[in-house]
PDB file of N, CA and C in Angstrom:
ATOM      1  N   MET A   1       0.902  -1.178   0.006  1.00  0.00           N
ATOM      2  CA  MET A   1       0.010  -0.002  -0.004  1.00  0.00           C
ATOM      3  C   MET A   1       0.920   1.244  -0.031  1.00  0.00           C
ATOM      4  N   LYS A   2       0.444   2.273  -0.709  1.00  0.00           N
ATOM      5  CA  LYS A   2       1.157   3.556  -0.683  1.00  0.00           C
ATOM      6  C   LYS A   2       0.233   4.591  -0.070  1.00  0.00           C
ATOM      7  N   GLY A   3       0.823   5.554   0.662  1.00  0.00           N
ATOM      8  CA  GLY A   3       0.018   6.634   1.175  1.00  0.00           C
ATOM      9  C   GLY A   3      -0.505   7.487   0.068  1.00  0.00           C
ATOM     10  N   ARG A   4      -1.777   7.916   0.125  1.00  0.00           N
ATOM     11  CA  ARG A   4      -2.377   8.742  -0.869  1.00  0.00           C
ATOM     12  C   ARG A   4      -2.713  10.142  -0.250  1.00  0.00           C
ATOM     13  N   PRO A   5      -2.771  11.182  -1.087  1.00  0.00           N
ATOM     14  CA  PRO A   5      -2.938  12.529  -0.544  1.00  0.00           C
ATOM     15  C   PRO A   5      -4.130  12.733   0.384  1.00  0.00           C
ATOM     16  N   HIS A   6      -5.276  12.083   0.102  1.00  0.00           N
ATOM     17  CA  HIS A   6      -6.410  12.259   0.961  1.00  0.00           C
ATOM     18  C   HIS A   6      -6.334  11.550   2.296  1.00  0.00           C
ATOM     19  N   LEU A   7      -5.297  10.763   2.493  1.00  0.00           N
ATOM     20  CA  LEU A   7      -5.106  10.025   3.788  1.00  0.00           C
ATOM     21  C   LEU A   7      -3.976  10.629   4.600  1.00  0.00           C
ATOM     22  N   LEU A   8      -3.483  11.836   4.178  1.00  0.00           N
ATOM     23  CA  LEU A   8      -2.291  12.371   4.890  1.00  0.00           C
ATOM     24  C   LEU A   8      -2.674  13.519   5.792  1.00  0.00           C
ATOM     25  N   THR A   9      -1.827  13.762   6.818  1.00  0.00           N
ATOM     26  CA  THR A   9      -1.972  14.878   7.713  1.00  0.00           C
ATOM     27  C   THR A   9      -1.376  16.101   7.015  1.00  0.00           C
ATOM     28  N   ALA A  10      -1.432  17.277   7.677  1.00  0.00           N
ATOM     29  CA  ALA A  10      -0.867  18.480   7.166  1.00  0.00           C
ATOM     30  C   ALA A  10       0.589  18.348   6.961  1.00  0.00           C
ATOM     31  N   GLY A  11       1.264  17.470   7.653  1.00  0.00           N
ATOM     32  CA  GLY A  11       2.714  17.272   7.536  1.00  0.00           C
ATOM     33  C   GLY A  11       3.066  16.226   6.512  1.00  0.00           C
ATOM     34  N   ASN A  12       2.122  15.855   5.626  1.00  0.00           N
ATOM     35  CA  ASN A  12       2.273  14.827   4.615  1.00  0.00           C
ATOM     36  C   ASN A  12       2.673  13.473   5.159  1.00  0.00           C
ATOM     37  N   ILE A  13       2.087  13.142   6.343  1.00  0.00           N
ATOM     38  CA  ILE A  13       2.336  11.849   6.962  1.00  0.00           C
ATOM     39  C   ILE A  13       1.039  11.078   6.977  1.00  0.00           C
ATOM     40  N   LEU A  14       1.054   9.813   6.656  1.00  0.00           N
ATOM     41  CA  LEU A  14      -0.174   9.000   6.656  1.00  0.00           C
ATOM     42  C   LEU A  14      -0.832   9.070   8.034  1.00  0.00           C
ATOM     43  N   HIS A  15      -2.169   9.434   7.998  1.00  0.00           N
ATOM     44  CA  HIS A  15      -2.922   9.569   9.203  1.00  0.00           C
ATOM     45  C   HIS A  15      -3.050   8.260   9.939  1.00  0.00           C
ATOM     46  N   GLY A  16      -2.854   8.281  11.260  1.00  0.00           N
ATOM     47  CA  GLY A  16      -2.970   7.056  12.027  1.00  0.00           C
ATOM     48  C   GLY A  16      -4.352   6.355  11.912  1.00  0.00           C
ATOM     49  N   GLY A  17      -5.394   7.191  11.741  1.00  0.00           N
ATOM     50  CA  GLY A  17      -6.727   6.655  11.568  1.00  0.00           C
ATOM     51  C   GLY A  17      -6.853   5.806  10.345  1.00  0.00           C
ATOM     52  N   ALA A  18      -6.151   6.187   9.257  1.00  0.00           N
ATOM     53  CA  ALA A  18      -6.201   5.433   8.016  1.00  0.00           C
ATOM     54  C   ALA A  18      -5.496   4.091   8.251  1.00  0.00           C
ATOM     55  N   THR A  19      -4.394   4.086   8.981  1.00  0.00           N
ATOM     56  CA  THR A  19      -3.702   2.852   9.247  1.00  0.00           C
ATOM     57  C   THR A  19      -4.549   1.927  10.153  1.00  0.00           C
ATOM     58  N   GLU A  20      -5.141   2.480  11.121  1.00  0.00           N
ATOM     59  CA  GLU A  20      -5.997   1.695  12.020  1.00  0.00           C
ATOM     60  C   GLU A  20      -7.221   1.074  11.276  1.00  0.00           C
ATOM     61  N   THR A  21      -7.776   1.869  10.371  1.00  0.00           N
ATOM     62  CA  THR A  21      -8.926   1.376   9.582  1.00  0.00           C
ATOM     63  C   THR A  21      -8.521   0.178   8.738  1.00  0.00           C
ATOM     64  N   LEU A  22      -7.346   0.327   8.180  1.00  0.00           N
ATOM     65  CA  LEU A  22      -6.812  -0.813   7.303  1.00  0.00           C
ATOM     66  C   LEU A  22      -6.576  -2.054   8.151  1.00  0.00           C
ATOM     67  N   VAL A  23      -5.969  -1.918   9.321  1.00  0.00           N
ATOM     68  CA  VAL A  23      -5.773  -3.057  10.209  1.00  0.00           C
ATOM     69  C   VAL A  23      -7.117  -3.702  10.664  1.00  0.00           C
ATOM     70  N   ASP A  24      -8.104  -2.842  10.919  1.00  0.00           N
ATOM     71  CA  ASP A  24      -9.455  -3.320  11.321  1.00  0.00           C
ATOM     72  C   ASP A  24     -10.079  -4.076  10.163  1.00  0.00           C
ATOM     73  N   LEU A  25      -9.953  -3.562   8.953  1.00  0.00           N
ATOM     74  CA  LEU A  25     -10.511  -4.265   7.773  1.00  0.00           C
ATOM     75  C   LEU A  25      -9.851  -5.592   7.542  1.00  0.00           C
ATOM     76  N   ILE A  26      -8.485  -5.675   7.676  1.00  0.00           N
ATOM     77  CA  ILE A  26      -7.832  -6.919   7.572  1.00  0.00           C
ATOM     78  C   ILE A  26      -8.288  -7.922   8.586  1.00  0.00           C
ATOM     79  N   GLY A  27      -8.462  -7.475   9.827  1.00  0.00           N
ATOM     80  CA  GLY A  27      -8.956  -8.329  10.909  1.00  0.00           C
ATOM     81  C   GLY A  27     -10.364  -8.870  10.587  1.00  0.00           C
ATOM     82  N   SER A  28     -11.229  -8.047  10.097  1.00  0.00           N
ATOM     83  CA  SER A  28     -12.592  -8.480   9.675  1.00  0.00           C
ATOM     84  C   SER A  28     -12.543  -9.519   8.561  1.00  0.00           C
ATOM     85  N   ALA A  29     -11.671  -9.321   7.619  1.00  0.00           N
ATOM     86  CA  ALA A  29     -11.550 -10.269   6.523  1.00  0.00           C
ATOM     87  C   ALA A  29     -11.064 -11.624   7.031  1.00  0.00           C
ATOM     88  N   VAL A  30     -10.063 -11.631   7.963  1.00  0.00           N
ATOM     89  CA  VAL A  30      -9.603 -12.831   8.507  1.00  0.00           C
ATOM     90  C   VAL A  30     -10.677 -13.565   9.317  1.00  0.00           C
ATOM     91  N   ILE A  31     -11.389 -12.835  10.129  1.00  0.00           N
ATOM     92  CA  ILE A  31     -12.424 -13.449  10.937  1.00  0.00           C
ATOM     93  C   ILE A  31     -13.538 -14.013  10.071  1.00  0.00           C
ATOM     94  N   PHE A  32     -13.851 -13.350   8.961  1.00  0.00           N
ATOM     95  CA  PHE A  32     -14.839 -13.845   8.009  1.00  0.00           C
ATOM     96  C   PHE A  32     -14.436 -15.214   7.456  1.00  0.00           C
ATOM     97  N   THR A  33     -13.178 -15.462   7.263  1.00  0.00           N
ATOM     98  CA  THR A  33     -12.735 -16.736   6.720  1.00  0.00           C
ATOM     99  C   THR A  33     -12.878 -17.904   7.708  1.00  0.00           C
ATOM    100  N   THR A  34     -13.157 -17.610   8.980  1.00  0.00           N
ATOM    101  CA  THR A  34     -13.343 -18.647   9.975  1.00  0.00           C
ATOM    102  C   THR A  34     -14.748 -19.256   9.964  1.00  0.00           C
ATOM    103  N   GLY A  35     -15.629 -18.613   9.190  1.00  0.00           N
ATOM    104  CA  GLY A  35     -16.985 -19.154   9.102  1.00  0.00           C
ATOM    105  C   GLY A  35     -17.953 -18.457  10.080  1.00  0.00           C
ATOM    106  N   VAL A  36     -17.503 -17.512  10.810  1.00  0.00           N
ATOM    107  CA  VAL A  36     -18.397 -16.768  11.749  1.00  0.00           C
ATOM    108  C   VAL A  36     -19.466 -16.074  10.906  1.00  0.00           C
ATOM    109  N   THR A  37     -20.712 -16.229  11.280  1.00  0.00           N
ATOM    110  CA  THR A  37     -21.792 -15.694  10.440  1.00  0.00           C
ATOM    111  C   THR A  37     -22.320 -14.313  10.881  1.00  0.00           C
ATOM    112  N   GLN A  38     -21.918 -13.866  12.090  1.00  0.00           N
ATOM    113  CA  GLN A  38     -22.377 -12.566  12.528  1.00  0.00           C
ATOM    114  C   GLN A  38     -21.154 -11.625  12.643  1.00  0.00           C
ATOM    115  N   SER A  39     -21.380 -10.365  12.363  1.00  0.00           N
ATOM    116  CA  SER A  39     -20.326  -9.367  12.483  1.00  0.00           C
ATOM    117  C   SER A  39     -20.243  -8.908  13.934  1.00  0.00           C
ATOM    118  N   GLY A  40     -19.220  -8.236  14.244  1.00  0.00           N
ATOM    119  CA  GLY A  40     -19.044  -7.714  15.574  1.00  0.00           C
ATOM    120  C   GLY A  40     -18.288  -6.415  15.535  1.00  0.00           C
ATOM    121  N   VAL A  41     -17.674  -6.036  16.623  1.00  0.00           N
ATOM    122  CA  VAL A  41     -16.875  -4.816  16.683  1.00  0.00           C
ATOM    123  C   VAL A  41     -15.480  -5.142  17.158  1.00  0.00           C
ATOM    124  N   SER A  42     -14.539  -4.276  16.774  1.00  0.00           N
ATOM    125  CA  SER A  42     -13.202  -4.383  17.331  1.00  0.00           C
ATOM    126  C   SER A  42     -13.188  -3.870  18.671  1.00  0.00           C
ATOM    127  N   PHE A  43     -12.743  -4.643  19.643  1.00  0.00           N
ATOM    128  CA  PHE A  43     -12.751  -4.232  21.013  1.00  0.00           C
ATOM    129  C   PHE A  43     -11.427  -3.454  21.305  1.00  0.00           C
ATOM    130  N   GLU A  44     -10.368  -3.928  20.799  1.00  0.00           N
ATOM    131  CA  GLU A  44      -9.046  -3.265  21.081  1.00  0.00           C
ATOM    132  C   GLU A  44      -8.148  -3.459  19.887  1.00  0.00           C
ATOM    133  N   ILE A  45      -7.524  -2.352  19.450  1.00  0.00           N
ATOM    134  CA  ILE A  45      -6.528  -2.408  18.404  1.00  0.00           C
ATOM    135  C   ILE A  45      -5.316  -1.691  18.923  1.00  0.00           C
ATOM    136  N   LYS A  46      -4.180  -2.387  18.951  1.00  0.00           N
ATOM    137  CA  LYS A  46      -2.921  -1.743  19.380  1.00  0.00           C
ATOM    138  C   LYS A  46      -1.942  -1.676  18.156  1.00  0.00           C
ATOM    139  N   LEU A  47      -1.460  -0.543  17.903  1.00  0.00           N
ATOM    140  CA  LEU A  47      -0.499  -0.360  16.810  1.00  0.00           C
ATOM    141  C   LEU A  47       0.814   0.250  17.298  1.00  0.00           C
ATOM    142  N   SER A  48       1.877  -0.285  16.751  1.00  0.00           N
ATOM    143  CA  SER A  48       3.241   0.273  17.031  1.00  0.00           C
ATOM    144  C   SER A  48       3.792   0.764  15.687  1.00  0.00           C
ATOM    145  N   TYR A  49       4.258   2.001  15.701  1.00  0.00           N
ATOM    146  CA  TYR A  49       4.800   2.604  14.482  1.00  0.00           C
ATOM    147  C   TYR A  49       6.326   2.623  14.571  1.00  0.00           C
ATOM    148  N   LEU A  50       6.972   2.185  13.539  1.00  0.00           N
ATOM    149  CA  LEU A  50       8.462   2.280  13.481  1.00  0.00           C
ATOM    150  C   LEU A  50       8.935   3.576  12.980  1.00  0.00           C
ATOM    151  N   ASP A  51       8.147   4.220  12.111  1.00  0.00           N
ATOM    152  CA  ASP A  51       8.554   5.509  11.509  1.00  0.00           C
ATOM    153  C   ASP A  51       7.382   6.194  10.867  1.00  0.00           C
ATOM    154  N   ASP A  52       7.492   7.411  10.485  1.00  0.00           N
ATOM    155  CA  ASP A  52       6.434   8.113   9.763  1.00  0.00           C
ATOM    156  C   ASP A  52       6.287   7.489   8.355  1.00  0.00           C
ATOM    157  N   ALA A  53       5.049   7.526   7.856  1.00  0.00           N
ATOM    158  CA  ALA A  53       4.772   7.040   6.512  1.00  0.00           C
ATOM    159  C   ALA A  53       4.416   8.265   5.641  1.00  0.00           C
ATOM    160  N   PHE A  54       5.195   8.546   4.639  1.00  0.00           N
ATOM    161  CA  PHE A  54       4.992   9.665   3.789  1.00  0.00           C
ATOM    162  C   PHE A  54       4.268   9.292   2.463  1.00  0.00           C
ATOM    163  N   LEU A  55       3.836  10.261   1.707  1.00  0.00           N
ATOM    164  CA  LEU A  55       3.168  10.103   0.427  1.00  0.00           C
ATOM    165  C   LEU A  55       4.033   9.280  -0.514  1.00  0.00           C
ATOM    166  N   ASP A  56       3.420   8.280  -1.115  1.00  0.00           N
ATOM    167  CA  ASP A  56       4.053   7.410  -2.175  1.00  0.00           C
ATOM    168  C   ASP A  56       5.230   6.567  -1.625  1.00  0.00           C
ATOM    169  N   VAL A  57       5.264   6.344  -0.311  1.00  0.00           N
ATOM    170  CA  VAL A  57       6.222   5.431   0.238  1.00  0.00           C
ATOM    171  C   VAL A  57       5.511   4.123   0.484  1.00  0.00           C
ATOM    172  N   ARG A  58       6.142   3.067   0.038  1.00  0.00           N
ATOM    173  CA  ARG A  58       5.591   1.727   0.181  1.00  0.00           C
ATOM    174  C   ARG A  58       5.483   1.384   1.662  1.00  0.00           C
ATOM    175  N   LEU A  59       4.332   0.880   2.060  1.00  0.00           N
ATOM    176  CA  LEU A  59       4.071   0.533   3.500  1.00  0.00           C
ATOM    177  C   LEU A  59       4.052  -0.992   3.631  1.00  0.00           C
ATOM    178  N   CYS A  60       4.632  -1.469   4.680  1.00  0.00           N
ATOM    179  CA  CYS A  60       4.594  -2.911   4.988  1.00  0.00           C
ATOM    180  C   CYS A  60       3.899  -3.068   6.338  1.00  0.00           C
ATOM    181  N   PHE A  61       3.006  -4.047   6.391  1.00  0.00           N
ATOM    182  CA  PHE A  61       2.278  -4.314   7.635  1.00  0.00           C
ATOM    183  C   PHE A  61       2.511  -5.698   8.073  1.00  0.00           C
ATOM    184  N   SER A  62       2.630  -5.926   9.340  1.00  0.00           N
ATOM    185  CA  SER A  62       2.642  -7.251   9.973  1.00  0.00           C
ATOM    186  C   SER A  62       1.551  -7.229  10.972  1.00  0.00           C
ATOM    187  N   VAL A  63       0.546  -8.097  10.796  1.00  0.00           N
ATOM    188  CA  VAL A  63      -0.652  -8.044  11.662  1.00  0.00           C
ATOM    189  C   VAL A  63      -0.752  -9.368  12.403  1.00  0.00           C
ATOM    190  N   GLU A  64      -0.996  -9.288  13.720  1.00  0.00           N
ATOM    191  CA  GLU A  64      -1.253 -10.477  14.523  1.00  0.00           C
ATOM    192  C   GLU A  64      -2.675 -10.254  15.048  1.00  0.00           C
ATOM    193  N   ILE A  65      -3.529 -11.270  14.851  1.00  0.00           N
ATOM    194  CA  ILE A  65      -4.904 -11.173  15.236  1.00  0.00           C
ATOM    195  C   ILE A  65      -5.236 -12.224  16.289  1.00  0.00           C
ATOM    196  N   ASN A  66      -5.754 -11.754  17.405  1.00  0.00           N
ATOM    197  CA  ASN A  66      -6.199 -12.659  18.477  1.00  0.00           C
ATOM    198  C   ASN A  66      -7.749 -12.562  18.490  1.00  0.00           C
ATOM    199  N   PHE A  67      -8.403 -13.595  18.161  1.00  0.00           N
ATOM    200  CA  PHE A  67      -9.837 -13.621  17.962  1.00  0.00           C
ATOM    201  C   PHE A  67     -10.510 -14.454  19.009  1.00  0.00           C
ATOM    202  N   LYS A  68     -11.504 -13.848  19.668  1.00  0.00           N
ATOM    203  CA  LYS A  68     -12.271 -14.590  20.647  1.00  0.00           C
ATOM    204  C   LYS A  68     -13.730 -14.304  20.380  1.00  0.00           C
ATOM    205  N   GLU A  69     -14.491 -15.376  20.037  1.00  0.00           N
ATOM    206  CA  GLU A  69     -15.923 -15.187  19.767  1.00  0.00           C
ATOM    207  C   GLU A  69     -16.606 -15.154  21.120  1.00  0.00           C
ATOM    208  N   THR A  70     -17.335 -14.121  21.407  1.00  0.00           N
ATOM    209  CA  THR A  70     -18.071 -13.959  22.626  1.00  0.00           C
ATOM    210  C   THR A  70     -19.548 -13.769  22.367  1.00  0.00           C
ATOM    211  N   LYS A  71     -20.367 -14.447  23.093  1.00  0.00           N
ATOM    212  CA  LYS A  71     -21.804 -14.293  22.918  1.00  0.00           C
ATOM    213  C   LYS A  71     -22.236 -13.193  23.902  1.00  0.00           C
ATOM    214  N   ILE A  72     -22.952 -12.252  23.374  1.00  0.00           N
ATOM    215  CA  ILE A  72     -23.476 -11.133  24.148  1.00  0.00           C
ATOM    216  C   ILE A  72     -24.978 -11.204  24.162  1.00  0.00           C
ATOM    217  N   ARG A  73     -25.563 -11.027  25.287  1.00  0.00           N
ATOM    218  CA  ARG A  73     -27.065 -11.124  25.408  1.00  0.00           C
ATOM    219  C   ARG A  73     -27.664 -10.000  24.627  1.00  0.00           C
ATOM    220  N   SER A  74     -28.867 -10.298  24.103  1.00  0.00           N
ATOM    221  CA  SER A  74     -29.636  -9.327  23.321  1.00  0.00           C
ATOM    222  C   SER A  74     -30.215  -8.282  24.260  1.00  0.00           C
ATOM    223  N   VAL A  75     -30.159  -7.032  23.834  1.00  0.00           N
ATOM    224  CA  VAL A  75     -30.762  -5.986  24.613  1.00  0.00           C
ATOM    225  C   VAL A  75     -31.786  -5.240  23.698  1.00  0.00           C
ATOM    226  N   SER A  76     -33.006  -5.181  24.154  1.00  0.00           N
ATOM    227  CA  SER A  76     -33.983  -4.452  23.329  1.00  0.00           C
ATOM    228  C   SER A  76     -34.582  -3.344  24.188  1.00  0.00           C
ATOM    229  N   GLY A  77     -34.980  -2.243  23.502  1.00  0.00           N
ATOM    230  CA  GLY A  77     -35.497  -1.145  24.253  1.00  0.00           C
ATOM    231  C   GLY A  77     -36.904  -0.822  24.044  1.00  0.00           C
TER     232      GLY A  77
END
């Protein structure tokens, strides 16, 4: 992936929110492959950055996913 202009901060650095969204999307795709039929929410995402990511710089990601399916009771109002 390369940083694109609409994903950059004023300092031309890839916005952390864009990175976190990508990691969340990858996690959702991985969980989907397990056969889980209902969607959920990301409870916790931890990111460590090695350096700033600038426009048109190739980005490399290493993602570790810990998945725990939890049943939550229904709440109706």
